Amino acid sequence: MTPLDYDYLRGFLKTRSGLMLSNDKQYLIESRLMPIARKEGLAGISEIVLKLKAPGSERLAAKVTEAMTTNESFFFRDKTPFDHFRDVMMPALLAARAAKRHIRIWCAAASTGQEPYSLAMMLKEMGPAVAGWRIEIIGTDLSNEVLERARAGVYTQFEVQRGLPIQMLLKYFTQNGDQWTIAPEIRAMVQYRPLNLLNDFSALGQFDIIYCRNVLIYFDQPTKVGVLNRAARQTAPDGYLLLGAAETVVGLTDAYKPVADRRGLYVPAGAASAPRPAAAAPARVMAVSGALAPRTGLA
């Protein structure tokens, strides 16, 4: 791979996905794109670049973009965002939406589905508290390949051991050899759609909760600003935004404000006041920890 090839691919990936590569990531491109070169019968990275520059290269362009996109995910990742879901967001929304009984949740950069399925399992555990409610979970990702895996809901032994408590595994998964398939009723709670966060996403509609975690870290400042401002337009006035532990809205947009003492949790800037948890969490919401145990006093 020549320096010119590398510069071209950096620009290509920035335009296609927002991914920013520093000057020293040649090894990353080679490790991820050489398998594609071999499958396509190409001699190396330089031939990939030539193909990408030629007309009719969309199929290859999609493969290159997907190969370079990080799809790291696991169940109940980082714990805190799920504590916020249980302790702050759902109690407040169940009270605020009592008349229409409808809540919409968006997991941007959903990858292979662990985040939206984690939320679906938590909702299932709420039992009577959400009975009769219409709660939509939309998972989106740039990569069609990972979305197909998410829709299938099939995970390896390694994947279910990363963050998924044994109680949840036994209750909501079926084992098939060394693979585990999530229960149909959990899978049916999530809809998956392809979406590039660099594009307009107003067609998705308004959401009460948006999880957009561990994706902004790959973008440059203007791209982060654009994503956050577009997300703000899709957030209900009393809704919520969840970002990753290394991400923030501070210095990027005035559309959101942080919730005090709730790391990674933000509300629209126009929200009347910072949300406060209800007196008690909804029935049967399980605590997210090393093992998801029922809350004290609940079966």
C-alpha atoms as a PDB file:
ATOM      1  CA  MET A   1       0.000   0.000   0.000  1.00  0.00           C
ATOM      2  CA  THR A   2       1.454   3.317  -1.057  1.00  0.00           C
ATOM      3  CA  PRO A   3       1.084   6.584   0.906  1.00  0.00           C
ATOM      4  CA  LEU A   4      -1.295   7.786  -1.797  1.00  0.00           C
ATOM      5  CA  ASP A   5      -3.417   4.649  -1.394  1.00  0.00           C
ATOM      6  CA  TYR A   6      -3.562   5.221   2.334  1.00  0.00           C
ATOM      7  CA  ASP A   7      -4.565   8.872   1.931  1.00  0.00           C
ATOM      8  CA  TYR A   8      -7.290   7.865  -0.515  1.00  0.00           C
ATOM      9  CA  LEU A   9      -8.699   5.226   1.855  1.00  0.00           C
ATOM     10  CA  ARG A  10      -8.654   7.633   4.783  1.00  0.00           C
ATOM     11  CA  GLY A  11     -10.710  10.123   2.790  1.00  0.00           C
ATOM     12  CA  PHE A  12     -12.980   7.393   1.449  1.00  0.00           C
ATOM     13  CA  LEU A  13     -13.766   6.069   4.941  1.00  0.00           C
ATOM     14  CA  LYS A  14     -14.291   9.556   6.359  1.00  0.00           C
ATOM     15  CA  THR A  15     -16.826  10.324   3.629  1.00  0.00           C
ATOM     16  CA  ARG A  16     -18.600   6.965   3.790  1.00  0.00           C
ATOM     17  CA  SER A  17     -18.784   6.373   7.526  1.00  0.00           C
ATOM     18  CA  GLY A  18     -17.272   9.308   9.424  1.00  0.00           C
ATOM     19  CA  LEU A  19     -14.394   7.083  10.569  1.00  0.00           C
ATOM     20  CA  MET A  20     -11.251   9.095  11.248  1.00  0.00           C
ATOM     21  CA  LEU A  21      -7.915   7.287  10.842  1.00  0.00           C
ATOM     22  CA  SER A  22      -4.691   8.818  12.103  1.00  0.00           C
ATOM     23  CA  ASN A  23      -1.475   8.789  10.099  1.00  0.00           C
ATOM     24  CA  ASP A  24      -0.251   5.530  11.640  1.00  0.00           C
ATOM     25  CA  LYS A  25      -3.104   3.083  10.969  1.00  0.00           C
ATOM     26  CA  GLN A  26      -1.765   1.467   7.808  1.00  0.00           C
ATOM     27  CA  TYR A  27      -1.481  -1.851   9.640  1.00  0.00           C
ATOM     28  CA  LEU A  28      -5.196  -1.692  10.506  1.00  0.00           C
ATOM     29  CA  ILE A  29      -6.206  -1.174   6.888  1.00  0.00           C
ATOM     30  CA  GLU A  30      -3.952  -3.990   5.719  1.00  0.00           C
ATOM     31  CA  SER A  31      -5.197  -6.454   8.333  1.00  0.00           C
ATOM     32  CA  ARG A  32      -8.865  -5.765   7.571  1.00  0.00           C
ATOM     33  CA  LEU A  33      -8.766  -5.260   3.814  1.00  0.00           C
ATOM     34  CA  MET A  34      -6.334  -7.961   2.705  1.00  0.00           C
ATOM     35  CA  PRO A  35      -8.956 -10.698   3.314  1.00  0.00           C
ATOM     36  CA  ILE A  36     -11.294  -8.755   1.021  1.00  0.00           C
ATOM     37  CA  ALA A  37      -8.571  -8.461  -1.611  1.00  0.00           C
ATOM     38  CA  ARG A  38      -8.063 -12.237  -1.535  1.00  0.00           C
ATOM     39  CA  LYS A  39     -11.793 -12.955  -1.804  1.00  0.00           C
ATOM     40  CA  GLU A  40     -12.120 -10.537  -4.723  1.00  0.00           C
ATOM     41  CA  GLY A  41      -9.086 -11.999  -6.509  1.00  0.00           C
ATOM     42  CA  LEU A  42      -7.107  -8.784  -6.161  1.00  0.00           C
ATOM     43  CA  ALA A  43      -3.360  -8.595  -5.605  1.00  0.00           C
ATOM     44  CA  GLY A  44      -3.511  -6.160  -2.678  1.00  0.00           C
ATOM     45  CA  ILE A  45      -4.673  -2.845  -1.276  1.00  0.00           C
ATOM     46  CA  SER A  46      -3.581  -0.862  -4.320  1.00  0.00           C
ATOM     47  CA  GLU A  47      -5.891  -2.900  -6.530  1.00  0.00           C
ATOM     48  CA  ILE A  48      -8.755  -2.336  -4.092  1.00  0.00           C
ATOM     49  CA  VAL A  49      -8.158   1.399  -4.399  1.00  0.00           C
ATOM     50  CA  LEU A  50      -8.187   1.172  -8.207  1.00  0.00           C
ATOM     51  CA  LYS A  51     -11.492  -0.733  -8.095  1.00  0.00           C
ATOM     52  CA  LEU A  52     -13.012   1.776  -5.671  1.00  0.00           C
ATOM     53  CA  LYS A  53     -12.151   4.625  -8.021  1.00  0.00           C
ATOM     54  CA  ALA A  54     -13.769   2.872 -10.984  1.00  0.00           C
ATOM     55  CA  PRO A  55     -17.501   3.111 -11.854  1.00  0.00           C
ATOM     56  CA  GLY A  56     -19.758   0.383 -10.473  1.00  0.00           C
ATOM     57  CA  SER A  57     -17.755  -0.132  -7.288  1.00  0.00           C
ATOM     58  CA  GLU A  58     -20.607   0.159  -4.777  1.00  0.00           C
ATOM     59  CA  ARG A  59     -20.553  -3.521  -3.768  1.00  0.00           C
ATOM     60  CA  LEU A  60     -16.825  -3.365  -3.018  1.00  0.00           C
ATOM     61  CA  ALA A  61     -17.222   0.023  -1.337  1.00  0.00           C
ATOM     62  CA  ALA A  62     -19.805  -1.439   1.040  1.00  0.00           C
ATOM     63  CA  LYS A  63     -17.524  -4.373   1.861  1.00  0.00           C
ATOM     64  CA  VAL A  64     -14.564  -2.099   2.568  1.00  0.00           C
ATOM     65  CA  THR A  65     -16.655   0.203   4.760  1.00  0.00           C
ATOM     66  CA  GLU A  66     -18.104  -2.689   6.763  1.00  0.00           C
ATOM     67  CA  ALA A  67     -14.684  -4.278   7.218  1.00  0.00           C
ATOM     68  CA  MET A  68     -13.257  -1.068   8.650  1.00  0.00           C
ATOM     69  CA  THR A  69     -16.173  -0.330  10.965  1.00  0.00           C
ATOM     70  CA  THR A  70     -15.721  -1.421  14.569  1.00  0.00           C
ATOM     71  CA  ASN A  71     -18.601  -3.654  15.682  1.00  0.00           C
ATOM     72  CA  GLU A  72     -17.648  -4.307  19.289  1.00  0.00           C
ATOM     73  CA  SER A  73     -20.681  -5.024  21.457  1.00  0.00           C
ATOM     74  CA  PHE A  74     -21.773  -7.169  24.365  1.00  0.00           C
ATOM     75  CA  PHE A  75     -24.789  -7.611  26.607  1.00  0.00           C
ATOM     76  CA  PHE A  76     -25.395  -4.984  29.328  1.00  0.00           C
ATOM     77  CA  ARG A  77     -22.192  -3.232  28.299  1.00  0.00           C
ATOM     78  CA  ASP A  78     -20.836  -0.787  30.892  1.00  0.00           C
ATOM     79  CA  LYS A  79     -23.740  -1.366  33.336  1.00  0.00           C
ATOM     80  CA  THR A  80     -24.380   2.343  34.043  1.00  0.00           C
ATOM     81  CA  PRO A  81     -26.564   3.058  30.974  1.00  0.00           C
ATOM     82  CA  PHE A  82     -28.822   0.178  31.992  1.00  0.00           C
ATOM     83  CA  ASP A  83     -28.992   1.433  35.578  1.00  0.00           C
ATOM     84  CA  HIS A  84     -30.170   4.754  34.124  1.00  0.00           C
ATOM     85  CA  PHE A  85     -32.786   2.904  32.078  1.00  0.00           C
ATOM     86  CA  ARG A  86     -34.119   1.161  35.183  1.00  0.00           C
ATOM     87  CA  ASP A  87     -33.779   3.945  37.752  1.00  0.00           C
ATOM     88  CA  VAL A  88     -34.410   7.176  35.822  1.00  0.00           C
ATOM     89  CA  MET A  89     -35.766   6.889  32.317  1.00  0.00           C
ATOM     90  CA  MET A  90     -38.418   4.191  32.558  1.00  0.00           C
ATOM     91  CA  PRO A  91     -39.962   5.393  35.840  1.00  0.00           C
ATOM     92  CA  ALA A  92     -40.205   8.936  34.463  1.00  0.00           C
ATOM     93  CA  LEU A  93     -41.556   7.853  31.079  1.00  0.00           C
ATOM     94  CA  LEU A  94     -44.088   5.418  32.538  1.00  0.00           C
ATOM     95  CA  ALA A  95     -45.499   8.338  34.496  1.00  0.00           C
ATOM     96  CA  ALA A  96     -45.298  10.875  31.654  1.00  0.00           C
ATOM     97  CA  ARG A  97     -46.720   8.533  28.986  1.00  0.00           C
ATOM     98  CA  ALA A  98     -49.491   7.014  31.143  1.00  0.00           C
ATOM     99  CA  ALA A  99     -52.206   8.427  28.867  1.00  0.00           C
ATOM    100  CA  LYS A 100     -50.906   7.154  25.523  1.00  0.00           C
ATOM    101  CA  ARG A 101     -48.901   4.168  26.852  1.00  0.00           C
ATOM    102  CA  HIS A 102     -46.389   4.340  24.021  1.00  0.00           C
ATOM    103  CA  ILE A 103     -42.587   4.643  24.281  1.00  0.00           C
ATOM    104  CA  ARG A 104     -40.024   4.628  21.449  1.00  0.00           C
ATOM    105  CA  ILE A 105     -36.368   3.661  21.940  1.00  0.00           C
ATOM    106  CA  TRP A 106     -33.582   3.952  19.370  1.00  0.00           C
ATOM    107  CA  CYS A 107     -30.266   2.110  19.608  1.00  0.00           C
ATOM    108  CA  ALA A 108     -27.977   3.775  17.062  1.00  0.00           C
ATOM    109  CA  ALA A 109     -24.923   1.748  16.005  1.00  0.00           C
ATOM    110  CA  ALA A 110     -26.680  -1.371  17.314  1.00  0.00           C
ATOM    111  CA  SER A 111     -24.071  -3.718  15.836  1.00  0.00           C
ATOM    112  CA  THR A 112     -24.985  -7.391  16.399  1.00  0.00           C
ATOM    113  CA  GLY A 113     -27.916  -6.563  18.667  1.00  0.00           C
ATOM    114  CA  GLN A 114     -26.679  -7.052  22.217  1.00  0.00           C
ATOM    115  CA  GLU A 115     -27.659  -3.544  23.372  1.00  0.00           C
ATOM    116  CA  PRO A 116     -31.272  -3.511  22.084  1.00  0.00           C
ATOM    117  CA  TYR A 117     -31.807  -7.099  23.230  1.00  0.00           C
ATOM    118  CA  SER A 118     -30.496  -6.171  26.689  1.00  0.00           C
ATOM    119  CA  LEU A 119     -33.128  -3.433  26.875  1.00  0.00           C
ATOM    120  CA  ALA A 120     -35.797  -5.822  25.583  1.00  0.00           C
ATOM    121  CA  MET A 121     -34.979  -8.315  28.335  1.00  0.00           C
ATOM    122  CA  MET A 122     -35.160  -5.571  30.955  1.00  0.00           C
ATOM    123  CA  LEU A 123     -38.569  -4.536  29.639  1.00  0.00           C
ATOM    124  CA  LYS A 124     -39.720  -8.145  29.743  1.00  0.00           C
ATOM    125  CA  GLU A 125     -38.682  -8.319  33.385  1.00  0.00           C
ATOM    126  CA  MET A 126     -40.902  -5.336  34.199  1.00  0.00           C
ATOM    127  CA  GLY A 127     -43.944  -7.550  33.714  1.00  0.00           C
ATOM    128  CA  PRO A 128     -47.210  -5.898  34.807  1.00  0.00           C
ATOM    129  CA  ALA A 129     -45.640  -2.426  34.932  1.00  0.00           C
ATOM    130  CA  VAL A 130     -45.541  -2.325  31.119  1.00  0.00           C
ATOM    131  CA  ALA A 131     -48.474  -4.627  30.363  1.00  0.00           C
ATOM    132  CA  GLY A 132     -50.627  -3.086  27.658  1.00  0.00           C
ATOM    133  CA  TRP A 133     -47.902  -0.632  26.656  1.00  0.00           C
ATOM    134  CA  ARG A 134     -46.585  -0.305  23.121  1.00  0.00           C
ATOM    135  CA  ILE A 135     -42.815  -0.045  23.467  1.00  0.00           C
ATOM    136  CA  GLU A 136     -40.828   0.081  20.232  1.00  0.00           C
ATOM    137  CA  ILE A 137     -37.103  -0.621  20.066  1.00  0.00           C
ATOM    138  CA  ILE A 138     -35.379   0.325  16.813  1.00  0.00           C
ATOM    139  CA  GLY A 139     -31.798  -0.823  16.217  1.00  0.00           C
ATOM    140  CA  THR A 140     -29.814   0.713  13.353  1.00  0.00           C
ATOM    141  CA  ASP A 141     -26.331   0.237  11.977  1.00  0.00           C
ATOM    142  CA  LEU A 142     -24.282   1.110   8.931  1.00  0.00           C
ATOM    143  CA  SER A 143     -23.395  -2.545   8.348  1.00  0.00           C
ATOM    144  CA  ASN A 144     -25.978  -4.841   6.795  1.00  0.00           C
ATOM    145  CA  GLU A 145     -23.824  -7.813   7.767  1.00  0.00           C
ATOM    146  CA  VAL A 146     -24.069  -7.141  11.498  1.00  0.00           C
ATOM    147  CA  LEU A 147     -27.771  -6.312  11.194  1.00  0.00           C
ATOM    148  CA  GLU A 148     -28.393  -9.748   9.705  1.00  0.00           C
ATOM    149  CA  ARG A 149     -26.662 -11.292  12.705  1.00  0.00           C
ATOM    150  CA  ALA A 150     -28.729  -9.133  15.039  1.00  0.00           C
ATOM    151  CA  ARG A 151     -31.973 -10.189  13.374  1.00  0.00           C
ATOM    152  CA  ALA A 152     -30.987 -13.853  13.676  1.00  0.00           C
ATOM    153  CA  GLY A 153     -30.311 -13.454  17.409  1.00  0.00           C
ATOM    154  CA  VAL A 154     -27.744 -16.257  17.480  1.00  0.00           C
ATOM    155  CA  TYR A 155     -24.642 -15.824  19.647  1.00  0.00           C
ATOM    156  CA  THR A 156     -21.557 -17.835  20.463  1.00  0.00           C
ATOM    157  CA  GLN A 157     -20.675 -19.114  23.910  1.00  0.00           C
ATOM    158  CA  PHE A 158     -18.080 -16.350  24.167  1.00  0.00           C
ATOM    159  CA  GLU A 159     -20.628 -13.659  23.286  1.00  0.00           C
ATOM    160  CA  VAL A 160     -23.225 -14.743  25.842  1.00  0.00           C
ATOM    161  CA  GLN A 161     -20.553 -14.933  28.534  1.00  0.00           C
ATOM    162  CA  ARG A 162     -19.688 -11.259  28.053  1.00  0.00           C
ATOM    163  CA  GLY A 163     -21.988  -9.352  30.399  1.00  0.00           C
ATOM    164  CA  LEU A 164     -25.040 -11.608  30.218  1.00  0.00           C
ATOM    165  CA  PRO A 165     -26.064 -12.902  33.657  1.00  0.00           C
ATOM    166  CA  ILE A 166     -26.659 -16.646  33.873  1.00  0.00           C
ATOM    167  CA  GLN A 167     -30.287 -16.092  34.921  1.00  0.00           C
ATOM    168  CA  MET A 168     -30.969 -14.165  31.729  1.00  0.00           C
ATOM    169  CA  LEU A 169     -29.127 -16.712  29.618  1.00  0.00           C
ATOM    170  CA  LEU A 170     -31.168 -19.631  30.925  1.00  0.00           C
ATOM    171  CA  LYS A 171     -34.449 -17.704  30.795  1.00  0.00           C
ATOM    172  CA  TYR A 172     -34.228 -16.085  27.379  1.00  0.00           C
ATOM    173  CA  PHE A 173     -31.887 -18.259  25.278  1.00  0.00           C
ATOM    174  CA  THR A 174     -31.920 -21.767  23.859  1.00  0.00           C
ATOM    175  CA  GLN A 175     -28.653 -23.637  23.421  1.00  0.00           C
ATOM    176  CA  ASN A 176     -27.805 -25.313  20.130  1.00  0.00           C
ATOM    177  CA  GLY A 177     -24.353 -26.867  20.435  1.00  0.00           C
ATOM    178  CA  ASP A 178     -21.922 -24.053  21.102  1.00  0.00           C
ATOM    179  CA  GLN A 179     -24.417 -21.384  20.032  1.00  0.00           C
ATOM    180  CA  TRP A 180     -27.280 -19.700  21.851  1.00  0.00           C
ATOM    181  CA  THR A 181     -30.463 -18.392  20.182  1.00  0.00           C
ATOM    182  CA  ILE A 182     -32.427 -15.618  21.822  1.00  0.00           C
ATOM    183  CA  ALA A 183     -36.109 -16.274  22.539  1.00  0.00           C
ATOM    184  CA  PRO A 184     -38.547 -15.353  19.742  1.00  0.00           C
ATOM    185  CA  GLU A 185     -40.532 -13.051  22.059  1.00  0.00           C
ATOM    186  CA  ILE A 186     -37.378 -11.016  22.789  1.00  0.00           C
ATOM    187  CA  ARG A 187     -36.295 -10.954  19.167  1.00  0.00           C
ATOM    188  CA  ALA A 188     -39.762  -9.738  18.155  1.00  0.00           C
ATOM    189  CA  MET A 189     -39.425  -6.717  20.442  1.00  0.00           C
ATOM    190  CA  VAL A 190     -36.659  -5.173  18.281  1.00  0.00           C
ATOM    191  CA  GLN A 191     -36.800  -3.905  14.702  1.00  0.00           C
ATOM    192  CA  TYR A 192     -33.540  -3.473  12.770  1.00  0.00           C
ATOM    193  CA  ARG A 193     -32.913  -1.022   9.946  1.00  0.00           C
ATOM    194  CA  PRO A 194     -29.793   0.029   8.018  1.00  0.00           C
ATOM    195  CA  LEU A 195     -28.782   3.612   8.705  1.00  0.00           C
ATOM    196  CA  ASN A 196     -25.698   5.755   8.197  1.00  0.00           C
ATOM    197  CA  LEU A 197     -25.459   8.337  10.996  1.00  0.00           C
ATOM    198  CA  LEU A 198     -23.853  10.773   8.546  1.00  0.00           C
ATOM    199  CA  ASN A 199     -27.169  10.973   6.701  1.00  0.00           C
ATOM    200  CA  ASP A 200     -30.507  12.494   7.633  1.00  0.00           C
ATOM    201  CA  PHE A 201     -32.462  10.224   9.965  1.00  0.00           C
ATOM    202  CA  SER A 202     -35.635  12.267  10.432  1.00  0.00           C
ATOM    203  CA  ALA A 203     -37.631   9.468   8.749  1.00  0.00           C
ATOM    204  CA  LEU A 204     -37.152   7.383  11.898  1.00  0.00           C
ATOM    205  CA  GLY A 205     -39.461   9.730  13.790  1.00  0.00           C
ATOM    206  CA  GLN A 206     -39.269  10.980  17.347  1.00  0.00           C
ATOM    207  CA  PHE A 207     -37.858   8.936  20.223  1.00  0.00           C
ATOM    208  CA  ASP A 208     -38.225   9.019  23.978  1.00  0.00           C
ATOM    209  CA  ILE A 209     -34.831   7.369  24.510  1.00  0.00           C
ATOM    210  CA  ILE A 210     -31.794   7.382  22.210  1.00  0.00           C
ATOM    211  CA  TYR A 211     -28.772   5.190  22.910  1.00  0.00           C
ATOM    212  CA  CYS A 212     -25.853   6.429  20.794  1.00  0.00           C
ATOM    213  CA  ARG A 213     -22.900   4.920  22.613  1.00  0.00           C
ATOM    214  CA  ASN A 214     -19.283   4.409  21.633  1.00  0.00           C
ATOM    215  CA  VAL A 215     -19.671   5.670  18.090  1.00  0.00           C
ATOM    216  CA  LEU A 216     -18.954   9.405  18.357  1.00  0.00           C
ATOM    217  CA  ILE A 217     -15.405   8.589  19.500  1.00  0.00           C
ATOM    218  CA  TYR A 218     -14.589   7.592  15.901  1.00  0.00           C
ATOM    219  CA  PHE A 219     -15.753  10.916  14.417  1.00  0.00           C
ATOM    220  CA  ASP A 220     -14.095  14.291  14.072  1.00  0.00           C
ATOM    221  CA  GLN A 221     -15.576  17.346  15.798  1.00  0.00           C
ATOM    222  CA  PRO A 222     -17.822  18.620  12.971  1.00  0.00           C
ATOM    223  CA  THR A 223     -19.241  15.129  12.417  1.00  0.00           C
ATOM    224  CA  LYS A 224     -19.998  14.740  16.134  1.00  0.00           C
ATOM    225  CA  VAL A 225     -21.758  18.106  16.137  1.00  0.00           C
ATOM    226  CA  GLY A 226     -23.871  17.122  13.140  1.00  0.00           C
ATOM    227  CA  VAL A 227     -24.911  13.762  14.615  1.00  0.00           C
ATOM    228  CA  LEU A 228     -25.818  15.280  17.990  1.00  0.00           C
ATOM    229  CA  ASN A 229     -27.827  18.130  16.498  1.00  0.00           C
ATOM    230  CA  ARG A 230     -29.747  15.753  14.240  1.00  0.00           C
ATOM    231  CA  ALA A 231     -30.369  13.420  17.187  1.00  0.00           C
ATOM    232  CA  ALA A 232     -31.693  16.352  19.222  1.00  0.00           C
ATOM    233  CA  ARG A 233     -34.333  17.019  16.590  1.00  0.00           C
ATOM    234  CA  GLN A 234     -35.520  13.407  16.994  1.00  0.00           C
ATOM    235  CA  THR A 235     -35.581  13.481  20.806  1.00  0.00           C
ATOM    236  CA  ALA A 236     -38.878  14.108  22.586  1.00  0.00           C
ATOM    237  CA  PRO A 237     -38.819  17.334  24.652  1.00  0.00           C
ATOM    238  CA  ASP A 238     -38.834  15.218  27.820  1.00  0.00           C
ATOM    239  CA  GLY A 239     -36.729  12.431  26.321  1.00  0.00           C
ATOM    240  CA  TYR A 240     -33.194  11.193  26.931  1.00  0.00           C
ATOM    241  CA  LEU A 241     -29.872  10.668  25.177  1.00  0.00           C
ATOM    242  CA  LEU A 242     -27.312   8.092  26.345  1.00  0.00           C
ATOM    243  CA  LEU A 243     -23.671   8.440  25.270  1.00  0.00           C
ATOM    244  CA  GLY A 244     -20.634   6.266  25.969  1.00  0.00           C
ATOM    245  CA  ALA A 245     -18.341   6.786  28.939  1.00  0.00           C
ATOM    246  CA  ALA A 246     -15.729   8.569  26.790  1.00  0.00           C
ATOM    247  CA  GLU A 247     -18.269  10.766  24.997  1.00  0.00           C
ATOM    248  CA  THR A 248     -19.956  14.055  25.876  1.00  0.00           C
ATOM    249  CA  VAL A 249     -22.117  16.821  24.436  1.00  0.00           C
ATOM    250  CA  VAL A 250     -20.127  19.482  26.289  1.00  0.00           C
ATOM    251  CA  GLY A 251     -18.381  21.801  23.860  1.00  0.00           C
ATOM    252  CA  LEU A 252     -20.205  20.236  20.911  1.00  0.00           C
ATOM    253  CA  THR A 253     -23.851  21.259  21.109  1.00  0.00           C
ATOM    254  CA  ASP A 254     -26.218  23.280  23.253  1.00  0.00           C
ATOM    255  CA  ALA A 255     -29.134  21.081  22.228  1.00  0.00           C
ATOM    256  CA  TYR A 256     -28.661  18.787  25.244  1.00  0.00           C
ATOM    257  CA  LYS A 257     -27.690  19.269  28.873  1.00  0.00           C
ATOM    258  CA  PRO A 258     -26.200  16.658  31.219  1.00  0.00           C
ATOM    259  CA  VAL A 259     -28.208  15.137  34.040  1.00  0.00           C
ATOM    260  CA  ALA A 260     -26.429  15.710  37.348  1.00  0.00           C
ATOM    261  CA  ASP A 261     -24.861  12.619  38.906  1.00  0.00           C
ATOM    262  CA  ARG A 262     -25.934  10.434  35.963  1.00  0.00           C
ATOM    263  CA  ARG A 263     -22.863   9.782  33.847  1.00  0.00           C
ATOM    264  CA  GLY A 264     -23.566   9.669  30.121  1.00  0.00           C
ATOM    265  CA  LEU A 265     -27.207  10.729  30.467  1.00  0.00           C
ATOM    266  CA  TYR A 266     -28.492  13.904  28.764  1.00  0.00           C
ATOM    267  CA  VAL A 267     -31.819  15.618  28.254  1.00  0.00           C
ATOM    268  CA  PRO A 268     -32.898  18.244  25.702  1.00  0.00           C
ATOM    269  CA  ALA A 269     -31.737  21.718  26.661  1.00  0.00           C
ATOM    270  CA  GLY A 270     -35.326  22.918  26.803  1.00  0.00           C
ATOM    271  CA  ALA A 271     -36.372  20.314  29.370  1.00  0.00           C
ATOM    272  CA  ALA A 272     -38.076  22.030  32.296  1.00  0.00           C
ATOM    273  CA  SER A 273     -35.858  20.431  34.911  1.00  0.00           C
ATOM    274  CA  ALA A 274     -33.487  17.547  35.405  1.00  0.00           C
ATOM    275  CA  PRO A 275     -35.471  14.302  35.668  1.00  0.00           C
ATOM    276  CA  ARG A 276     -35.728  12.582  38.996  1.00  0.00           C
ATOM    277  CA  PRO A 277     -36.291   8.871  39.575  1.00  0.00           C
ATOM    278  CA  ALA A 278     -39.714   7.753  40.704  1.00  0.00           C
ATOM    279  CA  ALA A 279     -40.101   6.718  44.325  1.00  0.00           C
ATOM    280  CA  ALA A 280     -39.678   3.082  43.332  1.00  0.00           C
ATOM    281  CA  ALA A 281     -38.474   1.374  40.192  1.00  0.00           C
ATOM    282  CA  PRO A 282     -41.075  -0.457  38.070  1.00  0.00           C
ATOM    283  CA  ALA A 283     -41.971  -3.905  39.313  1.00  0.00           C
ATOM    284  CA  ARG A 284     -39.651  -6.726  38.361  1.00  0.00           C
ATOM    285  CA  VAL A 285     -36.921  -4.546  36.847  1.00  0.00           C
ATOM    286  CA  MET A 286     -33.747  -6.438  37.577  1.00  0.00           C
ATOM    287  CA  ALA A 287     -30.543  -4.833  38.751  1.00  0.00           C
ATOM    288  CA  VAL A 288     -27.719  -4.854  36.228  1.00  0.00           C
ATOM    289  CA  SER A 289     -24.596  -6.162  37.875  1.00  0.00           C
ATOM    290  CA  GLY A 290     -22.335  -9.164  37.732  1.00  0.00           C
ATOM    291  CA  ALA A 291     -25.552 -11.137  38.131  1.00  0.00           C
ATOM    292  CA  LEU A 292     -28.941  -9.612  37.403  1.00  0.00           C
ATOM    293  CA  ALA A 293     -30.766 -10.406  40.594  1.00  0.00           C
ATOM    294  CA  PRO A 294     -34.374  -9.384  41.275  1.00  0.00           C
ATOM    295  CA  ARG A 295     -34.762  -6.191  43.278  1.00  0.00           C
ATOM    296  CA  THR A 296     -35.351  -6.745  47.000  1.00  0.00           C
ATOM    297  CA  GLY A 297     -38.837  -7.980  47.766  1.00  0.00           C
ATOM    298  CA  LEU A 298     -39.690  -8.958  44.185  1.00  0.00           C
ATOM    299  CA  ALA A 299     -40.065 -12.453  42.838  1.00  0.00           C
END
